[in-house]
Amino acid sequence: MGLGSTAKKIQMVSDRAEQMYKQVQELQQRIVSLEEEVDDTHQ
């Protein structure tokens, strides 16, 4: 039973890390988009 719960916890951590990675990518895209928009507005 110990290995099963450990595998489950590792899977949960892996899923959460994947979600966080996707959120970071989305935030990076939003930041790049905002930077472009600020540059356009400045011009």
PDB file of all heavy atoms in Angstrom:
ATOM      1  N   MET A   1       0.799  -1.199   0.000  1.00  0.00           N
ATOM      2  CA  MET A   1       0.000   0.000   0.000  1.00  0.00           C
ATOM      3  C   MET A   1       0.843   1.264   0.000  1.00  0.00           C
ATOM      4  O   MET A   1       0.400   2.282  -0.518  1.00  0.00           O
ATOM      5  CB  MET A   1      -0.893   0.020   1.246  1.00  0.00           C
ATOM      6  CG  MET A   1      -2.123  -0.788   1.086  1.00  0.00           C
ATOM      7  SD  MET A   1      -3.294  -0.265   2.294  1.00  0.00           S
ATOM      8  CE  MET A   1      -3.748  -1.807   2.973  1.00  0.00           C
ATOM      9  N   GLY A   2       1.997   1.266   0.548  1.00  0.00           N
ATOM     10  CA  GLY A   2       2.841   2.434   0.636  1.00  0.00           C
ATOM     11  C   GLY A   2       3.256   2.966  -0.716  1.00  0.00           C
ATOM     12  O   GLY A   2       3.309   4.167  -0.939  1.00  0.00           O
ATOM     13  N   LEU A   3       3.540   2.055  -1.666  1.00  0.00           N
ATOM     14  CA  LEU A   3       3.957   2.488  -2.998  1.00  0.00           C
ATOM     15  C   LEU A   3       2.806   3.104  -3.775  1.00  0.00           C
ATOM     16  O   LEU A   3       2.996   4.043  -4.540  1.00  0.00           O
ATOM     17  CB  LEU A   3       4.543   1.317  -3.780  1.00  0.00           C
ATOM     18  CG  LEU A   3       5.892   0.799  -3.280  1.00  0.00           C
ATOM     19  CD1 LEU A   3       6.321  -0.401  -4.119  1.00  0.00           C
ATOM     20  CD2 LEU A   3       6.939   1.876  -3.355  1.00  0.00           C
ATOM     21  N   GLY A   4       1.606   2.587  -3.586  1.00  0.00           N
ATOM     22  CA  GLY A   4       0.438   3.106  -4.290  1.00  0.00           C
ATOM     23  C   GLY A   4       0.117   4.526  -3.890  1.00  0.00           C
ATOM     24  O   GLY A   4      -0.161   5.381  -4.730  1.00  0.00           O
ATOM     25  N   SER A   5       0.162   4.809  -2.591  1.00  0.00           N
ATOM     26  CA  SER A   5      -0.144   6.174  -2.143  1.00  0.00           C
ATOM     27  C   SER A   5       0.984   7.131  -2.536  1.00  0.00           C
ATOM     28  O   SER A   5       0.731   8.290  -2.838  1.00  0.00           O
ATOM     29  CB  SER A   5      -0.394   6.209  -0.637  1.00  0.00           C
ATOM     30  OG  SER A   5       0.795   5.961   0.085  1.00  0.00           O
ATOM     31  N   THR A   6       2.213   6.650  -2.553  1.00  0.00           N
ATOM     32  CA  THR A   6       3.328   7.493  -2.978  1.00  0.00           C
ATOM     33  C   THR A   6       3.202   7.825  -4.457  1.00  0.00           C
ATOM     34  O   THR A   6       3.398   8.978  -4.866  1.00  0.00           O
ATOM     35  CB  THR A   6       4.675   6.786  -2.718  1.00  0.00           C
ATOM     36  OG1 THR A   6       4.774   6.481  -1.325  1.00  0.00           O
ATOM     37  CG2 THR A   6       5.837   7.665  -3.117  1.00  0.00           C
ATOM     38  N   ALA A   7       2.842   6.828  -5.263  1.00  0.00           N
ATOM     39  CA  ALA A   7       2.659   7.058  -6.695  1.00  0.00           C
ATOM     40  C   ALA A   7       1.525   8.047  -6.928  1.00  0.00           C
ATOM     41  O   ALA A   7       1.601   8.920  -7.798  1.00  0.00           O
ATOM     42  CB  ALA A   7       2.379   5.743  -7.408  1.00  0.00           C
ATOM     43  N   LYS A   8       0.465   7.939  -6.125  1.00  0.00           N
ATOM     44  CA  LYS A   8      -0.669   8.841  -6.245  1.00  0.00           C
ATOM     45  C   LYS A   8      -0.247  10.278  -5.902  1.00  0.00           C
ATOM     46  O   LYS A   8      -0.617  11.237  -6.583  1.00  0.00           O
ATOM     47  CB  LYS A   8      -1.783   8.383  -5.303  1.00  0.00           C
ATOM     48  CG  LYS A   8      -3.134   8.916  -5.590  1.00  0.00           C
ATOM     49  CD  LYS A   8      -4.141   8.324  -4.627  1.00  0.00           C
ATOM     50  CE  LYS A   8      -5.439   8.047  -5.345  1.00  0.00           C
ATOM     51  NZ  LYS A   8      -6.450   7.515  -4.444  1.00  0.00           N
ATOM     52  N   LYS A   9       0.540  10.434  -4.838  1.00  0.00           N
ATOM     53  CA  LYS A   9       1.006  11.756  -4.437  1.00  0.00           C
ATOM     54  C   LYS A   9       1.919  12.348  -5.502  1.00  0.00           C
ATOM     55  O   LYS A   9       1.838  13.540  -5.814  1.00  0.00           O
ATOM     56  CB  LYS A   9       1.738  11.683  -3.100  1.00  0.00           C
ATOM     57  CG  LYS A   9       0.822  11.443  -1.924  1.00  0.00           C
ATOM     58  CD  LYS A   9       1.596  11.361  -0.635  1.00  0.00           C
ATOM     59  CE  LYS A   9       0.680  11.054   0.530  1.00  0.00           C
ATOM     60  NZ  LYS A   9       1.411  10.911   1.802  1.00  0.00           N
ATOM     61  N   ILE A  10       2.798  11.503  -6.057  1.00  0.00           N
ATOM     62  CA  ILE A  10       3.699  11.972  -7.113  1.00  0.00           C
ATOM     63  C   ILE A  10       2.889  12.411  -8.329  1.00  0.00           C
ATOM     64  O   ILE A  10       3.178  13.445  -8.947  1.00  0.00           O
ATOM     65  CB  ILE A  10       4.732  10.895  -7.492  1.00  0.00           C
ATOM     66  CG1 ILE A  10       5.715  10.706  -6.336  1.00  0.00           C
ATOM     67  CG2 ILE A  10       5.469  11.245  -8.770  1.00  0.00           C
ATOM     68  CD1 ILE A  10       6.688   9.568  -6.522  1.00  0.00           C
ATOM     69  N   GLN A  11       1.855  11.674  -8.673  1.00  0.00           N
ATOM     70  CA  GLN A  11       1.001  12.030  -9.804  1.00  0.00           C
ATOM     71  C   GLN A  11       0.285  13.354  -9.542  1.00  0.00           C
ATOM     72  O   GLN A  11       0.181  14.208 -10.427  1.00  0.00           O
ATOM     73  CB  GLN A  11      -0.017  10.918 -10.081  1.00  0.00           C
ATOM     74  CG  GLN A  11      -0.890  11.164 -11.301  1.00  0.00           C
ATOM     75  CD  GLN A  11      -0.086  11.251 -12.591  1.00  0.00           C
ATOM     76  OE1 GLN A  11       0.835  10.464 -12.818  1.00  0.00           O
ATOM     77  NE2 GLN A  11      -0.418  12.229 -13.420  1.00  0.00           N
ATOM     78  N   MET A  12      -0.181  13.548  -8.316  1.00  0.00           N
ATOM     79  CA  MET A  12      -0.863  14.800  -7.959  1.00  0.00           C
ATOM     80  C   MET A  12       0.110  15.979  -8.055  1.00  0.00           C
ATOM     81  O   MET A  12      -0.238  17.042  -8.591  1.00  0.00           O
ATOM     82  CB  MET A  12      -1.449  14.722  -6.544  1.00  0.00           C
ATOM     83  CG  MET A  12      -2.694  13.851  -6.446  1.00  0.00           C
ATOM     84  SD  MET A  12      -3.337  13.574  -4.770  1.00  0.00           S
ATOM     85  CE  MET A  12      -3.225  15.156  -4.006  1.00  0.00           C
ATOM     86  N   VAL A  13       1.324  15.785  -7.564  1.00  0.00           N
ATOM     87  CA  VAL A  13       2.332  16.840  -7.634  1.00  0.00           C
ATOM     88  C   VAL A  13       2.668  17.130  -9.098  1.00  0.00           C
ATOM     89  O   VAL A  13       2.798  18.287  -9.506  1.00  0.00           O
ATOM     90  CB  VAL A  13       3.594  16.448  -6.833  1.00  0.00           C
ATOM     91  CG1 VAL A  13       4.743  17.402  -7.111  1.00  0.00           C
ATOM     92  CG2 VAL A  13       3.281  16.416  -5.338  1.00  0.00           C
ATOM     93  N   SER A  14       2.782  16.075  -9.896  1.00  0.00           N
ATOM     94  CA  SER A  14       3.091  16.234 -11.316  1.00  0.00           C
ATOM     95  C   SER A  14       1.973  16.981 -12.034  1.00  0.00           C
ATOM     96  O   SER A  14       2.239  17.883 -12.840  1.00  0.00           O
ATOM     97  CB  SER A  14       3.307  14.862 -11.955  1.00  0.00           C
ATOM     98  OG  SER A  14       3.479  14.990 -13.337  1.00  0.00           O
ATOM     99  N   ASP A  15       0.724  16.637 -11.741  1.00  0.00           N
ATOM    100  CA  ASP A  15      -0.421  17.316 -12.354  1.00  0.00           C
ATOM    101  C   ASP A  15      -0.445  18.803 -11.954  1.00  0.00           C
ATOM    102  O   ASP A  15      -0.679  19.675 -12.798  1.00  0.00           O
ATOM    103  CB  ASP A  15      -1.733  16.654 -11.934  1.00  0.00           C
ATOM    104  CG  ASP A  15      -1.925  15.273 -12.544  1.00  0.00           C
ATOM    105  OD1 ASP A  15      -1.201  14.931 -13.504  1.00  0.00           O
ATOM    106  OD2 ASP A  15      -2.798  14.522 -12.043  1.00  0.00           O
ATOM    107  N   ARG A  16      -0.191  19.049 -10.692  1.00  0.00           N
ATOM    108  CA  ARG A  16      -0.191  20.440 -10.216  1.00  0.00           C
ATOM    109  C   ARG A  16       0.952  21.237 -10.859  1.00  0.00           C
ATOM    110  O   ARG A  16       0.765  22.392 -11.254  1.00  0.00           O
ATOM    111  CB  ARG A  16      -0.056  20.463  -8.683  1.00  0.00           C
ATOM    112  CG  ARG A  16      -0.126  21.827  -8.086  1.00  0.00           C
ATOM    113  CD  ARG A  16      -1.508  22.440  -8.288  1.00  0.00           C
ATOM    114  NE  ARG A  16      -1.500  23.782  -7.707  1.00  0.00           N
ATOM    115  CZ  ARG A  16      -2.124  24.808  -8.224  1.00  0.00           C
ATOM    116  NH1 ARG A  16      -2.833  24.665  -9.313  1.00  0.00           N
ATOM    117  NH2 ARG A  16      -2.056  25.969  -7.648  1.00  0.00           N
ATOM    118  N   ALA A  17       2.109  20.624 -11.000  1.00  0.00           N
ATOM    119  CA  ALA A  17       3.247  21.289 -11.644  1.00  0.00           C
ATOM    120  C   ALA A  17       2.933  21.602 -13.100  1.00  0.00           C
ATOM    121  O   ALA A  17       3.277  22.674 -13.612  1.00  0.00           O
ATOM    122  CB  ALA A  17       4.493  20.419 -11.545  1.00  0.00           C
ATOM    123  N   GLU A  18       2.245  20.675 -13.772  1.00  0.00           N
ATOM    124  CA  GLU A  18       1.864  20.898 -15.166  1.00  0.00           C
ATOM    125  C   GLU A  18       0.880  22.055 -15.275  1.00  0.00           C
ATOM    126  O   GLU A  18       0.994  22.906 -16.175  1.00  0.00           O
ATOM    127  CB  GLU A  18       1.250  19.620 -15.748  1.00  0.00           C
ATOM    128  CG  GLU A  18       1.034  19.675 -17.236  1.00  0.00           C
ATOM    129  CD  GLU A  18       0.538  18.352 -17.794  1.00  0.00           C
ATOM    130  OE1 GLU A  18       0.933  17.297 -17.284  1.00  0.00           O
ATOM    131  OE2 GLU A  18      -0.251  18.404 -18.751  1.00  0.00           O
ATOM    132  N   GLN A  19      -0.078  22.128 -14.352  1.00  0.00           N
ATOM    133  CA  GLN A  19      -1.031  23.238 -14.336  1.00  0.00           C
ATOM    134  C   GLN A  19      -0.314  24.571 -14.110  1.00  0.00           C
ATOM    135  O   GLN A  19      -0.589  25.566 -14.795  1.00  0.00           O
ATOM    136  CB  GLN A  19      -2.074  23.042 -13.239  1.00  0.00           C
ATOM    137  CG  GLN A  19      -3.080  21.957 -13.501  1.00  0.00           C
ATOM    138  CD  GLN A  19      -4.005  21.750 -12.298  1.00  0.00           C
ATOM    139  OE1 GLN A  19      -3.695  22.170 -11.185  1.00  0.00           O
ATOM    140  NE2 GLN A  19      -5.139  21.103 -12.543  1.00  0.00           N
ATOM    141  N   MET A  20       0.611  24.575 -13.173  1.00  0.00           N
ATOM    142  CA  MET A  20       1.350  25.794 -12.880  1.00  0.00           C
ATOM    143  C   MET A  20       2.211  26.211 -14.074  1.00  0.00           C
ATOM    144  O   MET A  20       2.325  27.393 -14.382  1.00  0.00           O
ATOM    145  CB  MET A  20       2.206  25.614 -11.625  1.00  0.00           C
ATOM    146  CG  MET A  20       1.369  25.510 -10.353  1.00  0.00           C
ATOM    147  SD  MET A  20       2.359  25.244  -8.882  1.00  0.00           S
ATOM    148  CE  MET A  20       3.148  26.828  -8.724  1.00  0.00           C
ATOM    149  N   TYR A  21       2.794  25.239 -14.752  1.00  0.00           N
ATOM    150  CA  TYR A  21       3.613  25.532 -15.926  1.00  0.00           C
ATOM    151  C   TYR A  21       2.765  26.168 -17.020  1.00  0.00           C
ATOM    152  O   TYR A  21       3.169  27.147 -17.648  1.00  0.00           O
ATOM    153  CB  TYR A  21       4.281  24.254 -16.434  1.00  0.00           C
ATOM    154  CG  TYR A  21       5.155  24.469 -17.649  1.00  0.00           C
ATOM    155  CD1 TYR A  21       6.392  25.082 -17.531  1.00  0.00           C
ATOM    156  CD2 TYR A  21       4.734  24.071 -18.922  1.00  0.00           C
ATOM    157  CE1 TYR A  21       7.197  25.296 -18.641  1.00  0.00           C
ATOM    158  CE2 TYR A  21       5.527  24.281 -20.034  1.00  0.00           C
ATOM    159  CZ  TYR A  21       6.761  24.885 -19.885  1.00  0.00           C
ATOM    160  OH  TYR A  21       7.550  25.093 -20.992  1.00  0.00           O
ATOM    161  N   LYS A  22       1.556  25.642 -17.238  1.00  0.00           N
ATOM    162  CA  LYS A  22       0.640  26.218 -18.224  1.00  0.00           C
ATOM    163  C   LYS A  22       0.260  27.646 -17.834  1.00  0.00           C
ATOM    164  O   LYS A  22       0.185  28.539 -18.693  1.00  0.00           O
ATOM    165  CB  LYS A  22      -0.613  25.356 -18.376  1.00  0.00           C
ATOM    166  CG  LYS A  22      -0.378  24.062 -19.122  1.00  0.00           C
ATOM    167  CD  LYS A  22      -1.650  23.245 -19.231  1.00  0.00           C
ATOM    168  CE  LYS A  22      -1.396  21.923 -19.937  1.00  0.00           C
ATOM    169  NZ  LYS A  22      -2.615  21.105 -20.016  1.00  0.00           N
ATOM    170  N   GLN A  23       0.017  27.871 -16.547  1.00  0.00           N
ATOM    171  CA  GLN A  23      -0.334  29.214 -16.091  1.00  0.00           C
ATOM    172  C   GLN A  23       0.822  30.192 -16.313  1.00  0.00           C
ATOM    173  O   GLN A  23       0.613  31.331 -16.732  1.00  0.00           O
ATOM    174  CB  GLN A  23      -0.713  29.196 -14.609  1.00  0.00           C
ATOM    175  CG  GLN A  23      -2.063  28.576 -14.339  1.00  0.00           C
ATOM    176  CD  GLN A  23      -2.380  28.508 -12.853  1.00  0.00           C
ATOM    177  OE1 GLN A  23      -1.490  28.553 -12.001  1.00  0.00           O
ATOM    178  NE2 GLN A  23      -3.669  28.396 -12.537  1.00  0.00           N
ATOM    179  N   VAL A  24       2.030  29.727 -16.052  1.00  0.00           N
ATOM    180  CA  VAL A  24       3.207  30.575 -16.263  1.00  0.00           C
ATOM    181  C   VAL A  24       3.349  30.908 -17.741  1.00  0.00           C
ATOM    182  O   VAL A  24       3.645  32.057 -18.105  1.00  0.00           O
ATOM    183  CB  VAL A  24       4.484  29.906 -15.699  1.00  0.00           C
ATOM    184  CG1 VAL A  24       5.737  30.630 -16.171  1.00  0.00           C
ATOM    185  CG2 VAL A  24       4.438  29.859 -14.182  1.00  0.00           C
ATOM    186  N   GLN A  25       3.132  29.934 -18.608  1.00  0.00           N
ATOM    187  CA  GLN A  25       3.218  30.182 -20.049  1.00  0.00           C
ATOM    188  C   GLN A  25       2.168  31.209 -20.482  1.00  0.00           C
ATOM    189  O   GLN A  25       2.458  32.112 -21.272  1.00  0.00           O
ATOM    190  CB  GLN A  25       3.027  28.883 -20.842  1.00  0.00           C
ATOM    191  CG  GLN A  25       4.230  27.988 -20.848  1.00  0.00           C
ATOM    192  CD  GLN A  25       3.983  26.735 -21.680  1.00  0.00           C
ATOM    193  OE1 GLN A  25       2.903  26.153 -21.648  1.00  0.00           O
ATOM    194  NE2 GLN A  25       4.998  26.333 -22.437  1.00  0.00           N
ATOM    195  N   GLU A  26       0.945  31.064 -19.975  1.00  0.00           N
ATOM    196  CA  GLU A  26      -0.113  32.022 -20.297  1.00  0.00           C
ATOM    197  C   GLU A  26       0.248  33.422 -19.816  1.00  0.00           C
ATOM    198  O   GLU A  26       0.039  34.417 -20.533  1.00  0.00           O
ATOM    199  CB  GLU A  26      -1.438  31.575 -19.682  1.00  0.00           C
ATOM    200  CG  GLU A  26      -2.041  30.352 -20.338  1.00  0.00           C
ATOM    201  CD  GLU A  26      -3.271  29.828 -19.609  1.00  0.00           C
ATOM    202  OE1 GLU A  26      -3.736  30.481 -18.645  1.00  0.00           O
ATOM    203  OE2 GLU A  26      -3.761  28.757 -20.001  1.00  0.00           O
ATOM    204  N   LEU A  27       0.803  33.504 -18.616  1.00  0.00           N
ATOM    205  CA  LEU A  27       1.206  34.807 -18.093  1.00  0.00           C
ATOM    206  C   LEU A  27       2.322  35.416 -18.935  1.00  0.00           C
ATOM    207  O   LEU A  27       2.317  36.629 -19.197  1.00  0.00           O
ATOM    208  CB  LEU A  27       1.661  34.680 -16.636  1.00  0.00           C
ATOM    209  CG  LEU A  27       0.546  34.486 -15.615  1.00  0.00           C
ATOM    210  CD1 LEU A  27       1.137  34.216 -14.228  1.00  0.00           C
ATOM    211  CD2 LEU A  27      -0.371  35.697 -15.567  1.00  0.00           C
ATOM    212  N   GLN A  28       3.261  34.601 -19.376  1.00  0.00           N
ATOM    213  CA  GLN A  28       4.331  35.103 -20.237  1.00  0.00           C
ATOM    214  C   GLN A  28       3.762  35.646 -21.539  1.00  0.00           C
ATOM    215  O   GLN A  28       4.173  36.708 -22.014  1.00  0.00           O
ATOM    216  CB  GLN A  28       5.355  33.999 -20.530  1.00  0.00           C
ATOM    217  CG  GLN A  28       6.265  33.687 -19.363  1.00  0.00           C
ATOM    218  CD  GLN A  28       7.198  32.518 -19.658  1.00  0.00           C
ATOM    219  OE1 GLN A  28       6.881  31.628 -20.442  1.00  0.00           O
ATOM    220  NE2 GLN A  28       8.353  32.519 -18.992  1.00  0.00           N
ATOM    221  N   GLN A  29       2.804  34.927 -22.113  1.00  0.00           N
ATOM    222  CA  GLN A  29       2.179  35.387 -23.356  1.00  0.00           C
ATOM    223  C   GLN A  29       1.432  36.706 -23.129  1.00  0.00           C
ATOM    224  O   GLN A  29       1.489  37.614 -23.967  1.00  0.00           O
ATOM    225  CB  GLN A  29       1.230  34.324 -23.897  1.00  0.00           C
ATOM    226  CG  GLN A  29       1.931  33.105 -24.439  1.00  0.00           C
ATOM    227  CD  GLN A  29       0.953  31.994 -24.830  1.00  0.00           C
ATOM    228  OE1 GLN A  29      -0.234  32.055 -24.532  1.00  0.00           O
ATOM    229  NE2 GLN A  29       1.470  30.965 -25.491  1.00  0.00           N
ATOM    230  N   ARG A  30       0.742  36.795 -22.005  1.00  0.00           N
ATOM    231  CA  ARG A  30       0.020  38.031 -21.698  1.00  0.00           C
ATOM    232  C   ARG A  30       0.985  39.192 -21.510  1.00  0.00           C
ATOM    233  O   ARG A  30       0.719  40.312 -21.959  1.00  0.00           O
ATOM    234  CB  ARG A  30      -0.839  37.853 -20.447  1.00  0.00           C
ATOM    235  CG  ARG A  30      -2.053  36.968 -20.692  1.00  0.00           C
ATOM    236  CD  ARG A  30      -2.855  36.750 -19.442  1.00  0.00           C
ATOM    237  NE  ARG A  30      -3.415  38.004 -18.954  1.00  0.00           N
ATOM    238  CZ  ARG A  30      -4.033  38.125 -17.783  1.00  0.00           C
ATOM    239  NH1 ARG A  30      -4.165  37.073 -16.998  1.00  0.00           N
ATOM    240  NH2 ARG A  30      -4.516  39.284 -17.403  1.00  0.00           N
ATOM    241  N   ILE A  31       2.104  38.938 -20.854  1.00  0.00           N
ATOM    242  CA  ILE A  31       3.094  39.995 -20.633  1.00  0.00           C
ATOM    243  C   ILE A  31       3.672  40.470 -21.954  1.00  0.00           C
ATOM    244  O   ILE A  31       3.805  41.671 -22.192  1.00  0.00           O
ATOM    245  CB  ILE A  31       4.207  39.509 -19.672  1.00  0.00           C
ATOM    246  CG1 ILE A  31       3.648  39.398 -18.256  1.00  0.00           C
ATOM    247  CG2 ILE A  31       5.402  40.456 -19.692  1.00  0.00           C
ATOM    248  CD1 ILE A  31       4.578  38.707 -17.275  1.00  0.00           C
ATOM    249  N   VAL A  32       4.006  39.533 -22.832  1.00  0.00           N
ATOM    250  CA  VAL A  32       4.543  39.903 -24.144  1.00  0.00           C
ATOM    251  C   VAL A  32       3.516  40.714 -24.917  1.00  0.00           C
ATOM    252  O   VAL A  32       3.836  41.739 -25.525  1.00  0.00           O
ATOM    253  CB  VAL A  32       4.972  38.639 -24.935  1.00  0.00           C
ATOM    254  CG1 VAL A  32       5.248  38.963 -26.382  1.00  0.00           C
ATOM    255  CG2 VAL A  32       6.195  37.997 -24.289  1.00  0.00           C
ATOM    256  N   SER A  33       2.264  40.282 -24.854  1.00  0.00           N
ATOM    257  CA  SER A  33       1.196  41.001 -25.547  1.00  0.00           C
ATOM    258  C   SER A  33       1.038  42.418 -24.981  1.00  0.00           C
ATOM    259  O   SER A  33       0.883  43.386 -25.736  1.00  0.00           O
ATOM    260  CB  SER A  33      -0.111  40.226 -25.410  1.00  0.00           C
ATOM    261  OG  SER A  33      -1.174  40.936 -25.960  1.00  0.00           O
ATOM    262  N   LEU A  34       1.078  42.538 -23.664  1.00  0.00           N
ATOM    263  CA  LEU A  34       0.966  43.856 -23.042  1.00  0.00           C
ATOM    264  C   LEU A  34       2.144  44.749 -23.393  1.00  0.00           C
ATOM    265  O   LEU A  34       1.976  45.953 -23.621  1.00  0.00           O
ATOM    266  CB  LEU A  34       0.853  43.717 -21.520  1.00  0.00           C
ATOM    267  CG  LEU A  34      -0.491  43.227 -20.997  1.00  0.00           C
ATOM    268  CD1 LEU A  34      -0.415  42.945 -19.502  1.00  0.00           C
ATOM    269  CD2 LEU A  34      -1.585  44.233 -21.289  1.00  0.00           C
ATOM    270  N   GLU A  35       3.339  44.179 -23.449  1.00  0.00           N
ATOM    271  CA  GLU A  35       4.514  44.961 -23.834  1.00  0.00           C
ATOM    272  C   GLU A  35       4.362  45.492 -25.253  1.00  0.00           C
ATOM    273  O   GLU A  35       4.676  46.658 -25.522  1.00  0.00           O
ATOM    274  CB  GLU A  35       5.785  44.114 -23.723  1.00  0.00           C
ATOM    275  CG  GLU A  35       6.222  43.857 -22.298  1.00  0.00           C
ATOM    276  CD  GLU A  35       7.406  42.903 -22.204  1.00  0.00           C
ATOM    277  OE1 GLU A  35       7.673  42.160 -23.177  1.00  0.00           O
ATOM    278  OE2 GLU A  35       8.059  42.901 -21.153  1.00  0.00           O
ATOM    279  N   GLU A  36       3.866  44.649 -26.159  1.00  0.00           N
ATOM    280  CA  GLU A  36       3.653  45.082 -27.538  1.00  0.00           C
ATOM    281  C   GLU A  36       2.600  46.185 -27.588  1.00  0.00           C
ATOM    282  O   GLU A  36       2.743  47.178 -28.310  1.00  0.00           O
ATOM    283  CB  GLU A  36       3.229  43.898 -28.410  1.00  0.00           C
ATOM    284  CG  GLU A  36       4.329  42.884 -28.636  1.00  0.00           C
ATOM    285  CD  GLU A  36       3.846  41.613 -29.325  1.00  0.00           C
ATOM    286  OE1 GLU A  36       2.618  41.476 -29.559  1.00  0.00           O
ATOM    287  OE2 GLU A  36       4.696  40.757 -29.616  1.00  0.00           O
ATOM    288  N   GLU A  37       1.553  46.017 -26.805  1.00  0.00           N
ATOM    289  CA  GLU A  37       0.483  47.007 -26.777  1.00  0.00           C
ATOM    290  C   GLU A  37       0.989  48.339 -26.214  1.00  0.00           C
ATOM    291  O   GLU A  37       0.645  49.414 -26.723  1.00  0.00           O
ATOM    292  CB  GLU A  37      -0.679  46.487 -25.919  1.00  0.00           C
ATOM    293  CG  GLU A  37      -1.963  47.232 -26.101  1.00  0.00           C
ATOM    294  CD  GLU A  37      -3.127  46.547 -25.410  1.00  0.00           C
ATOM    295  OE1 GLU A  37      -3.162  45.312 -25.370  1.00  0.00           O
ATOM    296  OE2 GLU A  37      -3.993  47.284 -24.912  1.00  0.00           O
ATOM    297  N   VAL A  38       1.819  48.277 -25.189  1.00  0.00           N
ATOM    298  CA  VAL A  38       2.390  49.498 -24.613  1.00  0.00           C
ATOM    299  C   VAL A  38       3.282  50.188 -25.645  1.00  0.00           C
ATOM    300  O   VAL A  38       3.241  51.411 -25.793  1.00  0.00           O
ATOM    301  CB  VAL A  38       3.181  49.178 -23.323  1.00  0.00           C
ATOM    302  CG1 VAL A  38       4.052  50.349 -22.901  1.00  0.00           C
ATOM    303  CG2 VAL A  38       2.224  48.812 -22.196  1.00  0.00           C
ATOM    304  N   ASP A  39       4.078  49.409 -26.367  1.00  0.00           N
ATOM    305  CA  ASP A  39       4.931  49.986 -27.411  1.00  0.00           C
ATOM    306  C   ASP A  39       4.092  50.667 -28.492  1.00  0.00           C
ATOM    307  O   ASP A  39       4.412  51.775 -28.929  1.00  0.00           O
ATOM    308  CB  ASP A  39       5.833  48.916 -28.037  1.00  0.00           C
ATOM    309  CG  ASP A  39       6.940  48.459 -27.100  1.00  0.00           C
ATOM    310  OD1 ASP A  39       7.231  49.171 -26.123  1.00  0.00           O
ATOM    311  OD2 ASP A  39       7.509  47.370 -27.353  1.00  0.00           O
ATOM    312  N   ASP A  40       3.024  49.993 -28.921  1.00  0.00           N
ATOM    313  CA  ASP A  40       2.137  50.572 -29.931  1.00  0.00           C
ATOM    314  C   ASP A  40       1.500  51.864 -29.423  1.00  0.00           C
ATOM    315  O   ASP A  40       1.422  52.867 -30.145  1.00  0.00           O
ATOM    316  CB  ASP A  40       1.041  49.579 -30.335  1.00  0.00           C
ATOM    317  CG  ASP A  40       1.565  48.408 -31.132  1.00  0.00           C
ATOM    318  OD1 ASP A  40       2.713  48.483 -31.629  1.00  0.00           O
ATOM    319  OD2 ASP A  40       0.834  47.401 -31.252  1.00  0.00           O
ATOM    320  N   THR A  41       1.057  51.836 -28.165  1.00  0.00           N
ATOM    321  CA  THR A  41       0.429  53.016 -27.571  1.00  0.00           C
ATOM    322  C   THR A  41       1.433  54.154 -27.473  1.00  0.00           C
ATOM    323  O   THR A  41       1.103  55.316 -27.757  1.00  0.00           O
ATOM    324  CB  THR A  41      -0.138  52.682 -26.183  1.00  0.00           C
ATOM    325  OG1 THR A  41      -1.087  51.614 -26.314  1.00  0.00           O
ATOM    326  CG2 THR A  41      -0.812  53.881 -25.548  1.00  0.00           C
ATOM    327  N   HIS A  42       2.655  53.834 -27.100  1.00  0.00           N
ATOM    328  CA  HIS A  42       3.703  54.850 -27.001  1.00  0.00           C
ATOM    329  C   HIS A  42       3.953  55.495 -28.366  1.00  0.00           C
ATOM    330  O   HIS A  42       4.065  56.730 -28.471  1.00  0.00           O
ATOM    331  CB  HIS A  42       4.991  54.218 -26.465  1.00  0.00           C
ATOM    332  CG  HIS A  42       6.131  55.171 -26.344  1.00  0.00           C
ATOM    333  ND1 HIS A  42       6.164  56.171 -25.391  1.00  0.00           N
ATOM    334  CD2 HIS A  42       7.271  55.293 -27.052  1.00  0.00           C
ATOM    335  CE1 HIS A  42       7.278  56.854 -25.531  1.00  0.00           C
ATOM    336  NE2 HIS A  42       7.969  56.344 -26.533  1.00  0.00           N
ATOM    337  N   GLN A  43       4.015  54.685 -29.399  1.00  0.00           N
ATOM    338  CA  GLN A  43       4.222  55.219 -30.748  1.00  0.00           C
ATOM    339  C   GLN A  43       3.044  56.096 -31.164  1.00  0.00           C
ATOM    340  O   GLN A  43       3.236  57.162 -31.767  1.00  0.00           O
ATOM    341  CB  GLN A  43       4.417  54.076 -31.749  1.00  0.00           C
ATOM    342  CG  GLN A  43       5.721  53.346 -31.585  1.00  0.00           C
ATOM    343  CD  GLN A  43       5.816  52.115 -32.488  1.00  0.00           C
ATOM    344  OE1 GLN A  43       4.889  51.783 -33.210  1.00  0.00           O
ATOM    345  NE2 GLN A  43       6.957  51.434 -32.425  1.00  0.00           N
TER     346      GLN A  43
END
